Amino acid sequence: MFNSQLSSIFLYLCTAFIMKRAYLFIILAILLCSCEERHQPSTTPWGTSTDGNRRPTSLESLQSAGEMIVLTVSGPDSYFDYHGRGMGTQYLMIEEFAKSIGVAVRVELCRDTTEMLSRLAQGDGDVISCQIKNPNDECFLSCGHRVDSLHTSWLVRADEEDLAKAVDNWYNPSRLSQIVEKEQHYYSRQLIRPRVGAPVLNAAKGTISRYDALFQRYASLCRADWRLLAAISYQESGFDPQATSWAGACGLMQLMPATARHLGISISQIYDPETNISGAARLLARLFSSFSDVPNADERVSFTLAAYNGGSGHVRDAMSLARKHGGNATRWSEVAPYILRLSEPRFYLDPVVRNGYMRGTETYNYVIAVRNRWNQYRGMAPAGGGGFSLGGGDATPRRSNKNHRFRQ
């Protein structure tokens, strides 16, 4: 009995020992295979490397990240926001180069040259893209590689030699003239828009457009007179539901795709007249609410229109300038002049300005044009539509006596 138990224990120990050796052998085989794989040529998006341990070049790292961080300052030639699209000769140049190497562009605005150089040295950006007054300055040249072929003082970090070479190889003198021509074409298309529909469909019957019922249905979403929505639509698209701007704005109310996404509108829906109008009404409501510090409702309409066209940030900058220079920042007549002055370095480089340069003439004229059209429509078409009205005999919002339910 005792001998039988002893034999069983011995057999168990032998089996365990053999299995343990087997496990160790398997683990050793896996490790050997792993080592062999590490010494095999590695495949990258830019080809096959014969040295698997080779450290990627800075250009390859940038391409792997899929994004190039550009340090610049605000200005008409460097970078500015134009109806939701980056503009400026230098920005359009860097955008074209980024496309050529397969990456996106992310702009980081700096206050001045000192900040740009400091952030480049710290690795907060990949390239400085703007015109420097003294590109041969010792401090400027000591911070990295200047891209000489551009004659525009682009600068990359000292460890980005391959990026500098890539820009030099990409650039040729005709590129700059092509970019300038392209930029001017953008502006001309924005200023000279074909009018698809007449401003009034039937004045005798008080019919502004074929979309009047939709303007009336969704006007209460932004607590506005429906005729104001009609005036905006005519100014934006000439009542063309298929209108598309060069910057990508779409439909009757010219919604930008990014804005539409924030409103829950997909690209497939953006040209639908009802969806486009309801989205614009909700956007106008947000803008109107964002200027709650403007107490007068009629004044606030002008601020809202300016923000719809040129962006809330620029309008806030103009308000800050008006306040700084002793004006009333809640009166459009005292803020509007600073919308125009945001195209002057003295003002767009002012410390109170956070969003930089602006082509203010267009926004200034936009507010005038929409308000004039709105006044025309108020003189010929009844208020209708219910909701809050900024349209009737005065500028005080009035609540409708009727209850309406709207699909959102």
Protein backbone atom coordinates (compact mmCIF):
# COMPACT_ATOMS: atom_id res chain seq x y z
CA MET A 1 0.00 0.00 0.00
CA PHE A 2 2.72 2.42 1.06
CA ASN A 3 4.86 1.47 -1.96
CA SER A 4 1.90 2.06 -4.31
CA GLN A 5 1.33 5.59 -2.93
CA LEU A 6 5.02 6.35 -3.18
CA SER A 7 5.03 5.27 -6.82
CA SER A 8 2.06 7.52 -7.58
CA ILE A 9 3.77 10.53 -6.01
CA PHE A 10 6.96 9.84 -7.96
CA LEU A 11 5.00 9.54 -11.23
CA TYR A 12 3.20 12.84 -10.51
CA LEU A 13 6.45 14.68 -9.85
CA CYS A 14 8.01 13.36 -13.06
CA THR A 15 5.00 14.40 -15.08
CA ALA A 16 5.04 17.91 -13.56
CA PHE A 17 8.74 18.23 -14.28
CA ILE A 18 8.28 17.22 -17.92
CA MET A 19 5.34 19.63 -18.40
CA LYS A 20 7.31 22.46 -16.81
CA ARG A 21 10.17 21.81 -19.24
CA ALA A 22 7.65 21.84 -22.10
CA TYR A 23 6.24 25.20 -21.00
CA LEU A 24 9.73 26.65 -20.76
CA PHE A 25 10.51 25.38 -24.24
CA ILE A 26 7.37 27.01 -25.68
CA ILE A 27 8.15 30.34 -24.01
CA LEU A 28 11.73 30.20 -25.32
CA ALA A 29 10.46 29.53 -28.85
CA ILE A 30 8.12 32.51 -28.70
CA LEU A 31 10.91 34.79 -27.56
CA LEU A 32 13.17 33.61 -30.35
CA CYS A 33 10.47 34.24 -32.96
CA SER A 34 9.88 37.70 -31.53
CA CYS A 35 13.59 38.50 -31.83
CA GLU A 36 13.62 37.33 -35.42
CA GLU A 37 10.60 39.52 -36.23
CA ARG A 38 12.32 42.55 -34.76
CA HIS A 39 15.22 42.04 -37.15
CA GLN A 40 12.97 41.71 -40.18
CA PRO A 41 12.58 44.75 -42.50
CA SER A 42 9.72 46.95 -41.21
CA THR A 43 7.03 48.35 -43.49
CA THR A 44 6.09 52.02 -43.08
CA PRO A 45 3.72 54.32 -44.95
CA TRP A 46 6.79 55.64 -46.78
CA GLY A 47 8.36 52.31 -47.80
CA THR A 48 10.26 49.39 -46.33
CA SER A 49 13.08 50.06 -43.90
CA THR A 50 16.08 47.74 -44.03
CA ASP A 51 16.91 48.64 -40.45
CA GLY A 52 14.02 47.91 -38.09
CA ASN A 53 15.72 49.90 -35.32
CA ARG A 54 16.19 53.02 -37.45
CA ARG A 55 14.69 56.07 -35.79
CA PRO A 56 12.14 57.80 -38.06
CA THR A 57 13.18 61.17 -39.46
CA SER A 58 11.39 64.26 -38.21
CA LEU A 59 9.44 64.50 -41.47
CA GLU A 60 8.30 60.89 -41.12
CA SER A 61 7.23 61.54 -37.53
CA LEU A 62 5.23 64.53 -38.69
CA GLN A 63 3.57 62.45 -41.41
CA SER A 64 2.86 59.68 -38.92
CA ALA A 65 1.11 62.19 -36.67
CA GLY A 66 -0.87 63.39 -39.69
CA GLU A 67 -0.69 67.02 -38.62
CA MET A 68 1.70 69.94 -39.01
CA ILE A 69 1.54 72.61 -36.32
CA VAL A 70 2.09 76.06 -37.81
CA LEU A 71 3.06 79.02 -35.64
CA THR A 72 2.07 82.38 -37.06
CA VAL A 73 0.64 85.79 -36.26
CA SER A 74 -2.65 87.24 -37.40
CA GLY A 75 -2.59 89.42 -40.48
CA PRO A 76 -3.86 89.72 -44.06
CA ASP A 77 -0.74 88.06 -45.46
CA SER A 78 -0.12 85.50 -42.72
CA TYR A 79 -3.40 84.07 -41.37
CA PHE A 80 -6.96 85.09 -40.50
CA ASP A 81 -10.37 83.50 -40.22
CA TYR A 82 -12.61 84.36 -43.16
CA HIS A 83 -16.19 83.07 -42.86
CA GLY A 84 -14.98 79.94 -41.13
CA ARG A 85 -12.10 79.30 -43.51
CA GLY A 86 -8.40 80.00 -42.92
CA MET A 87 -7.04 82.65 -45.28
CA GLY A 88 -3.89 84.68 -45.85
CA THR A 89 -1.20 84.19 -48.47
CA GLN A 90 1.21 82.44 -46.11
CA TYR A 91 -1.52 80.15 -44.77
CA LEU A 92 -2.64 79.14 -48.26
CA MET A 93 0.99 78.40 -49.11
CA ILE A 94 1.56 76.24 -46.06
CA GLU A 95 -1.76 74.50 -46.68
CA GLU A 96 -0.68 73.56 -50.21
CA PHE A 97 2.66 72.26 -48.94
CA ALA A 98 0.92 70.23 -46.22
CA LYS A 99 -1.27 68.59 -48.84
CA SER A 100 1.84 67.64 -50.81
CA ILE A 101 3.23 65.66 -47.85
CA GLY A 102 -0.15 64.27 -46.80
CA VAL A 103 -0.82 66.04 -43.52
CA ALA A 104 -3.37 68.46 -42.11
CA VAL A 105 -2.56 71.94 -40.81
CA ARG A 106 -3.22 73.19 -37.30
CA VAL A 107 -2.62 76.89 -36.75
CA GLU A 108 -1.41 78.25 -33.43
CA LEU A 109 -1.67 82.04 -33.31
CA CYS A 110 1.07 83.91 -31.47
CA ARG A 111 1.21 87.51 -30.34
CA ASP A 112 4.57 88.36 -31.90
CA THR A 113 7.87 87.07 -33.29
CA THR A 114 9.33 86.47 -29.83
CA GLU A 115 6.50 84.12 -28.89
CA MET A 116 6.77 82.26 -32.20
CA LEU A 117 10.52 81.69 -31.79
CA SER A 118 10.12 80.63 -28.17
CA ARG A 119 7.38 78.13 -28.95
CA LEU A 120 9.29 76.73 -31.93
CA ALA A 121 12.36 76.18 -29.74
CA GLN A 122 10.21 74.41 -27.13
CA GLY A 123 8.78 72.07 -29.73
CA ASP A 124 5.26 73.54 -29.62
CA GLY A 125 5.22 73.87 -33.40
CA ASP A 126 6.78 72.44 -36.54
CA VAL A 127 7.18 75.56 -38.64
CA ILE A 128 6.89 79.34 -38.43
CA SER A 129 5.00 80.62 -41.44
CA CYS A 130 4.90 84.38 -41.75
CA GLN A 131 6.99 87.28 -42.97
CA ILE A 132 9.63 88.48 -40.52
CA LYS A 133 10.88 92.05 -40.88
CA ASN A 134 14.48 91.10 -40.10
CA PRO A 135 14.93 87.49 -41.31
CA ASN A 136 18.73 87.76 -41.01
CA ASP A 137 18.54 88.64 -37.33
CA GLU A 138 20.97 86.47 -35.32
CA CYS A 139 18.26 85.38 -32.88
CA PHE A 140 16.01 84.39 -35.75
CA LEU A 141 18.68 82.37 -37.54
CA SER A 142 19.88 80.64 -34.36
CA CYS A 143 16.49 79.08 -33.68
CA GLY A 144 16.36 76.74 -36.64
CA HIS A 145 16.58 76.29 -40.39
CA ARG A 146 15.34 79.13 -42.54
CA VAL A 147 13.69 78.01 -45.77
CA ASP A 148 15.55 80.31 -48.15
CA SER A 149 13.84 79.43 -51.41
CA LEU A 150 10.52 80.90 -50.26
CA HIS A 151 11.89 84.38 -49.51
CA THR A 152 9.07 84.56 -46.95
CA SER A 153 11.03 83.63 -43.86
CA TRP A 154 9.55 80.27 -43.03
CA LEU A 155 11.49 78.65 -40.23
CA VAL A 156 11.67 75.07 -38.95
CA ARG A 157 13.34 73.65 -35.86
CA ALA A 158 17.05 72.89 -35.92
CA ASP A 159 16.35 69.12 -35.93
CA GLU A 160 14.01 69.39 -38.93
CA GLU A 161 16.56 69.43 -41.75
CA ASP A 162 14.53 66.98 -43.81
CA LEU A 163 11.41 69.15 -43.43
CA ALA A 164 13.34 72.21 -44.59
CA LYS A 165 14.62 70.26 -47.60
CA ALA A 166 11.09 69.07 -48.39
CA VAL A 167 9.82 72.66 -48.47
CA ASP A 168 12.75 73.79 -50.62
CA ASN A 169 12.14 70.96 -53.07
CA TRP A 170 8.41 71.69 -53.18
CA TYR A 171 8.65 75.43 -53.75
CA ASN A 172 9.08 77.10 -57.13
CA PRO A 173 8.58 80.81 -57.97
CA SER A 174 5.29 80.22 -59.76
CA ARG A 175 3.62 78.86 -56.61
CA LEU A 176 3.41 82.24 -54.90
CA SER A 177 1.75 83.92 -57.89
CA GLN A 178 -0.67 81.01 -58.18
CA ILE A 179 -1.62 81.33 -54.52
CA VAL A 180 -2.15 85.10 -54.79
CA GLU A 181 -4.34 84.61 -57.87
CA LYS A 182 -6.32 81.90 -56.09
CA GLU A 183 -6.80 84.12 -53.04
CA GLN A 184 -8.10 87.04 -55.11
CA HIS A 185 -10.47 84.68 -56.89
CA TYR A 186 -11.89 83.61 -53.53
CA TYR A 187 -12.58 87.19 -52.53
CA SER A 188 -14.16 88.10 -55.86
CA ARG A 189 -16.48 85.09 -55.67
CA GLN A 190 -17.53 86.13 -52.18
CA LEU A 191 -18.24 89.73 -53.17
CA ILE A 192 -19.99 89.05 -56.49
CA ARG A 193 -22.63 86.43 -55.83
CA PRO A 194 -25.17 85.57 -58.49
CA ARG A 195 -28.72 86.18 -57.38
CA VAL A 196 -30.79 83.17 -58.32
CA GLY A 197 -34.13 84.52 -57.19
CA ALA A 198 -35.72 87.96 -57.08
CA PRO A 199 -35.77 89.69 -53.68
CA VAL A 200 -39.59 89.58 -53.76
CA LEU A 201 -41.73 86.86 -55.35
CA ASN A 202 -45.05 88.74 -55.32
CA ALA A 203 -45.13 92.17 -53.69
CA ALA A 204 -48.87 92.63 -54.31
CA LYS A 205 -49.69 89.51 -52.34
CA GLY A 206 -46.99 90.08 -49.74
CA THR A 207 -45.14 86.94 -50.77
CA ILE A 208 -41.40 87.22 -50.36
CA SER A 209 -40.32 83.74 -51.46
CA ARG A 210 -41.52 80.19 -51.91
CA TYR A 211 -40.02 79.44 -48.50
CA ASP A 212 -42.11 81.93 -46.52
CA ALA A 213 -44.02 79.19 -44.71
CA LEU A 214 -40.75 77.69 -43.46
CA PHE A 215 -39.43 81.07 -42.34
CA GLN A 216 -42.67 81.60 -40.45
CA ARG A 217 -42.61 78.10 -38.95
CA TYR A 218 -39.10 78.34 -37.52
CA ALA A 219 -38.85 82.06 -36.70
CA SER A 220 -39.86 81.49 -33.09
CA LEU A 221 -36.81 79.23 -32.58
CA CYS A 222 -34.68 82.38 -32.67
CA ARG A 223 -37.45 84.66 -31.32
CA ALA A 224 -37.30 86.80 -34.45
CA ASP A 225 -39.54 88.23 -37.12
CA TRP A 226 -39.78 85.68 -39.94
CA ARG A 227 -39.05 88.42 -42.45
CA LEU A 228 -35.60 88.79 -40.90
CA LEU A 229 -34.89 85.15 -41.76
CA ALA A 230 -36.07 85.86 -45.30
CA ALA A 231 -33.75 88.88 -45.55
CA ILE A 232 -30.80 86.79 -44.35
CA SER A 233 -31.63 84.02 -46.83
CA TYR A 234 -31.75 86.41 -49.76
CA GLN A 235 -28.46 88.01 -48.76
CA GLU A 236 -26.80 84.62 -48.26
CA SER A 237 -28.06 82.61 -51.22
CA GLY A 238 -30.60 84.56 -53.27
CA PHE A 239 -33.16 81.92 -52.13
CA ASP A 240 -31.16 79.18 -53.83
CA PRO A 241 -31.40 75.96 -51.76
CA GLN A 242 -28.45 74.43 -53.66
CA ALA A 243 -26.09 77.38 -53.20
CA THR A 244 -22.52 76.51 -52.16
CA SER A 245 -19.86 79.10 -51.40
CA TRP A 246 -16.14 78.68 -52.14
CA ALA A 247 -15.59 78.28 -48.39
CA GLY A 248 -18.08 75.39 -48.25
CA ALA A 249 -21.17 77.15 -46.85
CA CYS A 250 -24.32 75.37 -47.99
CA GLY A 251 -27.97 75.95 -48.74
CA LEU A 252 -30.49 78.74 -48.31
CA MET A 253 -28.91 80.11 -45.13
CA GLN A 254 -25.30 79.18 -46.07
CA LEU A 255 -24.51 76.94 -43.12
CA MET A 256 -20.91 75.81 -42.81
CA PRO A 257 -20.60 72.00 -42.56
CA ALA A 258 -18.82 72.22 -39.19
CA THR A 259 -21.58 74.45 -37.83
CA ALA A 260 -24.21 72.10 -39.20
CA ARG A 261 -22.60 69.16 -37.39
CA HIS A 262 -22.76 71.07 -34.11
CA LEU A 263 -26.45 71.58 -34.81
CA GLY A 264 -26.97 67.89 -35.45
CA ILE A 265 -27.34 68.28 -39.22
CA SER A 266 -25.60 65.81 -41.49
CA ILE A 267 -24.11 66.68 -44.86
CA SER A 268 -26.87 64.66 -46.53
CA GLN A 269 -29.47 66.93 -44.90
CA ILE A 270 -27.76 70.28 -45.21
CA TYR A 271 -29.31 71.30 -48.54
CA ASP A 272 -32.84 70.41 -47.48
CA PRO A 273 -34.65 73.79 -47.22
CA GLU A 274 -36.53 73.01 -44.02
CA THR A 275 -33.50 71.49 -42.28
CA ASN A 276 -31.27 74.36 -43.40
CA ILE A 277 -33.68 77.04 -42.21
CA SER A 278 -34.39 75.36 -38.87
CA GLY A 279 -30.63 74.95 -38.28
CA ALA A 280 -29.97 78.60 -39.09
CA ALA A 281 -32.78 79.65 -36.76
CA ARG A 282 -31.21 77.67 -33.91
CA LEU A 283 -27.80 79.17 -34.69
CA LEU A 284 -29.28 82.68 -34.67
CA ALA A 285 -30.91 81.90 -31.32
CA ARG A 286 -27.54 80.92 -29.85
CA LEU A 287 -25.86 84.02 -31.21
CA PHE A 288 -28.68 86.27 -29.99
CA SER A 289 -28.41 84.74 -26.50
CA SER A 290 -24.62 85.09 -26.50
CA PHE A 291 -25.01 88.88 -26.69
CA SER A 292 -27.24 89.06 -23.62
CA ASP A 293 -25.02 91.90 -22.37
CA VAL A 294 -26.58 94.06 -25.12
CA PRO A 295 -29.85 95.03 -23.39
CA ASN A 296 -31.72 96.56 -26.33
CA ALA A 297 -33.27 93.84 -28.50
CA ASP A 298 -33.04 95.78 -31.75
CA GLU A 299 -29.39 96.63 -31.11
CA ARG A 300 -28.74 92.98 -30.37
CA VAL A 301 -30.08 92.02 -33.80
CA SER A 302 -27.22 93.95 -35.43
CA PHE A 303 -24.63 92.23 -33.22
CA THR A 304 -26.22 88.87 -34.06
CA LEU A 305 -26.12 89.54 -37.79
CA ALA A 306 -22.49 90.60 -37.60
CA ALA A 307 -21.61 87.41 -35.72
CA TYR A 308 -23.55 85.26 -38.20
CA ASN A 309 -21.45 86.72 -41.00
CA GLY A 310 -18.04 87.38 -39.44
CA GLY A 311 -17.93 85.31 -36.27
CA SER A 312 -18.67 86.16 -32.64
CA GLY A 313 -14.98 86.43 -31.76
CA HIS A 314 -14.37 89.31 -34.14
CA VAL A 315 -17.52 91.10 -32.96
CA ARG A 316 -16.33 90.75 -29.37
CA ASP A 317 -12.96 92.18 -30.38
CA ALA A 318 -14.67 95.21 -31.90
CA MET A 319 -16.69 95.65 -28.71
CA SER A 320 -13.48 95.53 -26.65
CA LEU A 321 -11.88 98.17 -28.85
CA ALA A 322 -14.95 100.40 -28.60
CA ARG A 323 -14.89 100.06 -24.83
CA LYS A 324 -11.15 100.77 -24.67
CA HIS A 325 -11.54 103.95 -26.70
CA GLY A 326 -14.40 105.30 -24.59
CA GLY A 327 -17.33 104.09 -26.69
CA ASN A 328 -20.48 102.26 -25.71
CA ALA A 329 -19.83 98.59 -26.45
CA THR A 330 -23.54 97.78 -26.48
CA ARG A 331 -24.47 100.25 -29.24
CA TRP A 332 -23.91 98.99 -32.76
CA SER A 333 -23.28 102.48 -34.15
CA GLU A 334 -20.28 102.79 -31.82
CA VAL A 335 -18.97 99.24 -32.35
CA ALA A 336 -19.37 99.07 -36.15
CA PRO A 337 -16.45 101.47 -36.85
CA TYR A 338 -14.14 99.09 -35.02
CA ILE A 339 -15.37 96.21 -37.16
CA LEU A 340 -13.86 98.20 -40.04
CA ARG A 341 -10.68 99.01 -38.11
CA LEU A 342 -9.92 95.35 -37.44
CA SER A 343 -8.23 95.36 -40.84
CA GLU A 344 -5.62 97.85 -39.58
CA PRO A 345 -2.49 96.60 -37.73
CA ARG A 346 -2.85 99.27 -35.07
CA PHE A 347 -6.15 97.71 -34.04
CA TYR A 348 -5.93 93.98 -34.84
CA LEU A 349 -2.60 93.82 -32.99
CA ASP A 350 -4.03 95.63 -29.96
CA PRO A 351 -3.68 93.50 -26.77
CA VAL A 352 -7.48 93.54 -26.21
CA VAL A 353 -8.02 91.84 -29.58
CA ARG A 354 -8.01 88.06 -29.27
CA ASN A 355 -8.97 86.95 -32.79
CA GLY A 356 -6.73 89.11 -34.91
CA TYR A 357 -7.22 90.47 -38.40
CA MET A 358 -10.64 90.71 -40.02
CA ARG A 359 -11.87 91.85 -43.43
CA GLY A 360 -14.39 94.02 -41.63
CA THR A 361 -15.83 95.82 -44.66
CA GLU A 362 -17.85 92.79 -45.67
CA THR A 363 -19.39 92.25 -42.24
CA TYR A 364 -20.08 95.97 -41.86
CA ASN A 365 -21.89 96.06 -45.23
CA TYR A 366 -23.65 92.75 -44.53
CA VAL A 367 -25.42 94.15 -41.47
CA ILE A 368 -26.53 97.20 -43.45
CA ALA A 369 -27.75 95.13 -46.40
CA VAL A 370 -29.75 92.64 -44.30
CA ARG A 371 -31.33 95.34 -42.17
CA ASN A 372 -32.30 97.35 -45.27
CA ARG A 373 -33.83 94.26 -46.87
CA TRP A 374 -35.61 93.45 -43.64
CA ASN A 375 -37.12 96.94 -43.55
CA GLN A 376 -38.30 96.46 -47.14
CA TYR A 377 -39.94 93.16 -46.27
CA ARG A 378 -41.61 94.60 -43.18
CA GLY A 379 -43.18 97.28 -45.35
CA MET A 380 -44.77 94.82 -47.76
CA ALA A 381 -45.36 91.52 -45.92
CA PRO A 382 -47.45 90.96 -42.79
CA ALA A 383 -45.69 89.81 -39.63
CA GLY A 384 -47.50 86.45 -39.36
CA GLY A 385 -45.74 83.42 -38.00
CA GLY A 386 -46.31 84.14 -34.32
CA GLY A 387 -43.46 83.77 -31.87
CA PHE A 388 -41.37 86.64 -30.57
CA SER A 389 -41.30 89.53 -33.01
CA LEU A 390 -38.66 92.16 -33.54
CA GLY A 391 -40.62 93.33 -36.50
CA GLY A 392 -43.96 95.01 -35.88
CA GLY A 393 -44.44 98.59 -34.84
CA ASP A 394 -41.62 98.61 -32.31
CA ALA A 395 -38.54 96.67 -31.35
CA THR A 396 -39.93 95.13 -28.17
CA PRO A 397 -40.33 91.35 -28.23
CA ARG A 398 -43.96 90.25 -27.97
CA ARG A 399 -45.22 86.78 -27.16
CA SER A 400 -47.71 85.25 -29.54
CA ASN A 401 -51.28 84.51 -28.43
CA LYS A 402 -51.10 81.18 -30.25
CA ASN A 403 -49.32 78.03 -29.23
CA HIS A 404 -47.25 76.40 -31.92
CA ARG A 405 -45.46 73.11 -31.92
CA PHE A 406 -42.48 72.75 -34.18
CA ARG A 407 -40.56 69.72 -35.29
CA GLN A 408 -36.85 70.07 -34.48
